[in-house]
Protein backbone atom coordinates (compact mmCIF):
# COMPACT_ATOMS: atom_id res chain seq x y z
CA UNK A 1 0.00 0.00 0.00
CA UNK A 2 1.49 3.40 -0.95
CA UNK A 3 2.28 5.85 1.81
CA UNK A 4 1.79 9.59 1.45
CA UNK A 5 3.74 12.01 3.59
CA UNK A 6 1.85 15.21 4.33
CA UNK A 7 4.03 18.23 4.94
CA UNK A 8 2.37 21.10 6.74
CA UNK A 9 3.84 24.46 5.87
CA UNK A 10 3.19 27.84 7.31
CA UNK A 11 1.83 30.20 4.63
CA UNK A 12 4.45 32.68 3.51
CA UNK A 13 2.68 35.88 4.46
CA UNK A 14 5.68 37.47 6.10
CA UNK A 15 5.91 40.41 3.73
CA UNK A 16 2.80 42.39 2.94
CA UNK A 17 1.95 45.86 1.72
CA UNK A 18 -0.16 48.43 3.52
CA UNK A 19 -1.51 51.89 2.76
CA UNK A 20 -2.19 54.12 5.78
CA UNK A 21 -4.61 56.98 5.23
CA UNK A 22 -5.07 59.92 7.62
CA UNK A 23 -8.81 60.40 7.11
CA UNK A 24 -10.73 63.64 7.61
CA UNK A 25 -13.30 63.21 10.44
CA UNK A 26 -16.10 64.25 8.05
CA UNK A 27 -15.20 61.62 5.45
CA UNK A 28 -17.65 58.76 5.18
CA UNK A 29 -16.00 56.64 2.50
CA UNK A 30 -12.35 55.93 1.79
CA UNK A 31 -11.22 53.96 -1.27
CA UNK A 32 -7.87 52.73 -2.52
CA UNK A 33 -7.69 51.85 -6.20
CA UNK A 34 -5.51 51.60 -9.27
CA UNK A 35 -6.49 52.98 -12.62
CA UNK A 36 -7.94 49.57 -13.45
CA UNK A 37 -9.65 48.29 -10.31
CA UNK A 38 -10.83 49.12 -6.80
CA UNK A 39 -8.51 47.33 -4.38
CA UNK A 40 -10.01 48.33 -1.04
CA UNK A 41 -13.23 50.08 -0.12
CA UNK A 42 -14.05 51.24 3.37
CA UNK A 43 -16.92 53.24 4.79
CA UNK A 44 -17.40 55.27 7.96
CA UNK A 45 -13.80 55.16 9.17
CA UNK A 46 -13.82 54.44 12.90
CA UNK A 47 -10.43 56.03 13.47
CA UNK A 48 -8.52 58.94 12.01
CA UNK A 49 -5.90 56.56 10.56
CA UNK A 50 -7.22 53.78 8.34
CA UNK A 51 -4.94 50.96 7.15
CA UNK A 52 -5.60 48.98 3.98
CA UNK A 53 -3.75 45.78 3.19
CA UNK A 54 -3.07 45.73 -0.56
CA UNK A 55 -1.34 43.29 -2.94
CA UNK A 56 2.41 43.09 -2.40
CA UNK A 57 3.21 44.38 -5.90
CA UNK A 58 2.09 47.85 -4.79
CA UNK A 59 5.06 48.12 -2.42
CA UNK A 60 7.36 48.54 -5.43
CA UNK A 61 5.15 50.71 -7.66
CA UNK A 62 3.39 54.03 -7.20
CA UNK A 63 0.19 53.19 -9.05
CA UNK A 64 -2.31 53.57 -6.20
CA UNK A 65 -4.91 56.31 -5.80
CA UNK A 66 -6.71 57.17 -2.54
CA UNK A 67 -10.06 58.96 -2.48
CA UNK A 68 -12.13 60.14 0.49
CA UNK A 69 -15.60 61.66 0.25
CA UNK A 70 -18.86 62.14 2.13
CA UNK A 71 -22.12 60.50 1.07
CA UNK A 72 -24.18 63.71 1.23
CA UNK A 73 -21.90 65.53 -1.26
CA UNK A 74 -21.57 68.44 1.16
CA UNK A 75 -17.79 68.58 0.70
CA UNK A 76 -15.59 68.00 -2.33
CA UNK A 77 -13.83 64.68 -2.61
CA UNK A 78 -10.12 64.59 -1.85
CA UNK A 79 -8.01 62.48 -4.19
CA UNK A 80 -4.29 61.78 -4.22
CA UNK A 81 -2.53 59.51 -6.68
CA UNK A 82 0.96 58.18 -7.15
CA UNK A 83 0.84 56.36 -3.81
CA UNK A 84 3.27 53.55 -3.05
CA UNK A 85 2.31 51.06 -0.34
CA UNK A 86 4.59 50.45 2.61
CA UNK A 87 6.27 47.06 2.89
CA UNK A 88 5.59 45.45 6.28
CA UNK A 89 6.31 42.18 8.04
CA UNK A 90 2.87 40.63 8.42
CA UNK A 91 3.99 38.53 11.37
CA UNK A 92 4.94 41.60 13.43
CA UNK A 93 2.21 44.09 12.51
CA UNK A 94 -1.47 43.86 13.42
CA UNK A 95 -3.89 45.69 11.14
C-alpha atoms as a PDB file:
ATOM      1  CA  UNK A   1       0.000   0.000   0.000  1.00  0.00           C
ATOM      2  CA  UNK A   2       1.489   3.399  -0.953  1.00  0.00           C
ATOM      3  CA  UNK A   3       2.277   5.848   1.814  1.00  0.00           C
ATOM      4  CA  UNK A   4       1.787   9.592   1.446  1.00  0.00           C
ATOM      5  CA  UNK A   5       3.745  12.014   3.591  1.00  0.00           C
ATOM      6  CA  UNK A   6       1.848  15.211   4.326  1.00  0.00           C
ATOM      7  CA  UNK A   7       4.033  18.233   4.939  1.00  0.00           C
ATOM      8  CA  UNK A   8       2.366  21.102   6.744  1.00  0.00           C
ATOM      9  CA  UNK A   9       3.840  24.460   5.872  1.00  0.00           C
ATOM     10  CA  UNK A  10       3.193  27.838   7.309  1.00  0.00           C
ATOM     11  CA  UNK A  11       1.835  30.197   4.625  1.00  0.00           C
ATOM     12  CA  UNK A  12       4.452  32.677   3.509  1.00  0.00           C
ATOM     13  CA  UNK A  13       2.678  35.876   4.465  1.00  0.00           C
ATOM     14  CA  UNK A  14       5.678  37.471   6.097  1.00  0.00           C
ATOM     15  CA  UNK A  15       5.914  40.409   3.727  1.00  0.00           C
ATOM     16  CA  UNK A  16       2.798  42.388   2.938  1.00  0.00           C
ATOM     17  CA  UNK A  17       1.953  45.864   1.724  1.00  0.00           C
ATOM     18  CA  UNK A  18      -0.157  48.432   3.523  1.00  0.00           C
ATOM     19  CA  UNK A  19      -1.507  51.894   2.759  1.00  0.00           C
ATOM     20  CA  UNK A  20      -2.189  54.122   5.785  1.00  0.00           C
ATOM     21  CA  UNK A  21      -4.614  56.982   5.234  1.00  0.00           C
ATOM     22  CA  UNK A  22      -5.073  59.923   7.616  1.00  0.00           C
ATOM     23  CA  UNK A  23      -8.809  60.403   7.113  1.00  0.00           C
ATOM     24  CA  UNK A  24     -10.730  63.639   7.610  1.00  0.00           C
ATOM     25  CA  UNK A  25     -13.303  63.214  10.436  1.00  0.00           C
ATOM     26  CA  UNK A  26     -16.103  64.247   8.054  1.00  0.00           C
ATOM     27  CA  UNK A  27     -15.204  61.624   5.449  1.00  0.00           C
ATOM     28  CA  UNK A  28     -17.649  58.755   5.180  1.00  0.00           C
ATOM     29  CA  UNK A  29     -16.000  56.645   2.504  1.00  0.00           C
ATOM     30  CA  UNK A  30     -12.352  55.933   1.791  1.00  0.00           C
ATOM     31  CA  UNK A  31     -11.225  53.964  -1.269  1.00  0.00           C
ATOM     32  CA  UNK A  32      -7.870  52.728  -2.517  1.00  0.00           C
ATOM     33  CA  UNK A  33      -7.688  51.848  -6.195  1.00  0.00           C
ATOM     34  CA  UNK A  34      -5.511  51.597  -9.265  1.00  0.00           C
ATOM     35  CA  UNK A  35      -6.486  52.983 -12.618  1.00  0.00           C
ATOM     36  CA  UNK A  36      -7.936  49.571 -13.454  1.00  0.00           C
ATOM     37  CA  UNK A  37      -9.651  48.290 -10.306  1.00  0.00           C
ATOM     38  CA  UNK A  38     -10.832  49.119  -6.805  1.00  0.00           C
ATOM     39  CA  UNK A  39      -8.510  47.333  -4.379  1.00  0.00           C
ATOM     40  CA  UNK A  40     -10.010  48.334  -1.041  1.00  0.00           C
ATOM     41  CA  UNK A  41     -13.230  50.081  -0.124  1.00  0.00           C
ATOM     42  CA  UNK A  42     -14.055  51.245   3.365  1.00  0.00           C
ATOM     43  CA  UNK A  43     -16.921  53.238   4.787  1.00  0.00           C
ATOM     44  CA  UNK A  44     -17.402  55.269   7.956  1.00  0.00           C
ATOM     45  CA  UNK A  45     -13.797  55.164   9.170  1.00  0.00           C
ATOM     46  CA  UNK A  46     -13.824  54.441  12.899  1.00  0.00           C
ATOM     47  CA  UNK A  47     -10.428  56.033  13.472  1.00  0.00           C
ATOM     48  CA  UNK A  48      -8.522  58.943  12.006  1.00  0.00           C
ATOM     49  CA  UNK A  49      -5.901  56.558  10.555  1.00  0.00           C
ATOM     50  CA  UNK A  50      -7.222  53.775   8.340  1.00  0.00           C
ATOM     51  CA  UNK A  51      -4.944  50.958   7.151  1.00  0.00           C
ATOM     52  CA  UNK A  52      -5.602  48.984   3.979  1.00  0.00           C
ATOM     53  CA  UNK A  53      -3.747  45.780   3.195  1.00  0.00           C
ATOM     54  CA  UNK A  54      -3.065  45.731  -0.564  1.00  0.00           C
ATOM     55  CA  UNK A  55      -1.338  43.294  -2.942  1.00  0.00           C
ATOM     56  CA  UNK A  56       2.414  43.089  -2.402  1.00  0.00           C
ATOM     57  CA  UNK A  57       3.212  44.375  -5.899  1.00  0.00           C
ATOM     58  CA  UNK A  58       2.092  47.852  -4.789  1.00  0.00           C
ATOM     59  CA  UNK A  59       5.057  48.121  -2.416  1.00  0.00           C
ATOM     60  CA  UNK A  60       7.357  48.538  -5.431  1.00  0.00           C
ATOM     61  CA  UNK A  61       5.154  50.706  -7.659  1.00  0.00           C
ATOM     62  CA  UNK A  62       3.393  54.031  -7.197  1.00  0.00           C
ATOM     63  CA  UNK A  63       0.188  53.186  -9.054  1.00  0.00           C
ATOM     64  CA  UNK A  64      -2.315  53.569  -6.196  1.00  0.00           C
ATOM     65  CA  UNK A  65      -4.906  56.309  -5.795  1.00  0.00           C
ATOM     66  CA  UNK A  66      -6.706  57.173  -2.543  1.00  0.00           C
ATOM     67  CA  UNK A  67     -10.058  58.964  -2.479  1.00  0.00           C
ATOM     68  CA  UNK A  68     -12.130  60.145   0.493  1.00  0.00           C
ATOM     69  CA  UNK A  69     -15.597  61.664   0.250  1.00  0.00           C
ATOM     70  CA  UNK A  70     -18.857  62.137   2.130  1.00  0.00           C
ATOM     71  CA  UNK A  71     -22.121  60.499   1.071  1.00  0.00           C
ATOM     72  CA  UNK A  72     -24.181  63.705   1.229  1.00  0.00           C
ATOM     73  CA  UNK A  73     -21.900  65.534  -1.259  1.00  0.00           C
ATOM     74  CA  UNK A  74     -21.569  68.440   1.157  1.00  0.00           C
ATOM     75  CA  UNK A  75     -17.788  68.581   0.701  1.00  0.00           C
ATOM     76  CA  UNK A  76     -15.594  68.003  -2.333  1.00  0.00           C
ATOM     77  CA  UNK A  77     -13.826  64.675  -2.613  1.00  0.00           C
ATOM     78  CA  UNK A  78     -10.120  64.586  -1.848  1.00  0.00           C
ATOM     79  CA  UNK A  79      -8.005  62.475  -4.186  1.00  0.00           C
ATOM     80  CA  UNK A  80      -4.290  61.778  -4.217  1.00  0.00           C
ATOM     81  CA  UNK A  81      -2.535  59.513  -6.681  1.00  0.00           C
ATOM     82  CA  UNK A  82       0.959  58.184  -7.152  1.00  0.00           C
ATOM     83  CA  UNK A  83       0.839  56.362  -3.813  1.00  0.00           C
ATOM     84  CA  UNK A  84       3.270  53.552  -3.047  1.00  0.00           C
ATOM     85  CA  UNK A  85       2.305  51.056  -0.341  1.00  0.00           C
ATOM     86  CA  UNK A  86       4.589  50.455   2.607  1.00  0.00           C
ATOM     87  CA  UNK A  87       6.272  47.064   2.888  1.00  0.00           C
ATOM     88  CA  UNK A  88       5.588  45.453   6.276  1.00  0.00           C
ATOM     89  CA  UNK A  89       6.313  42.181   8.042  1.00  0.00           C
ATOM     90  CA  UNK A  90       2.871  40.628   8.415  1.00  0.00           C
ATOM     91  CA  UNK A  91       3.995  38.532  11.367  1.00  0.00           C
ATOM     92  CA  UNK A  92       4.939  41.601  13.429  1.00  0.00           C
ATOM     93  CA  UNK A  93       2.212  44.094  12.505  1.00  0.00           C
ATOM     94  CA  UNK A  94      -1.467  43.863  13.424  1.00  0.00           C
ATOM     95  CA  UNK A  95      -3.886  45.687  11.139  1.00  0.00           C
END
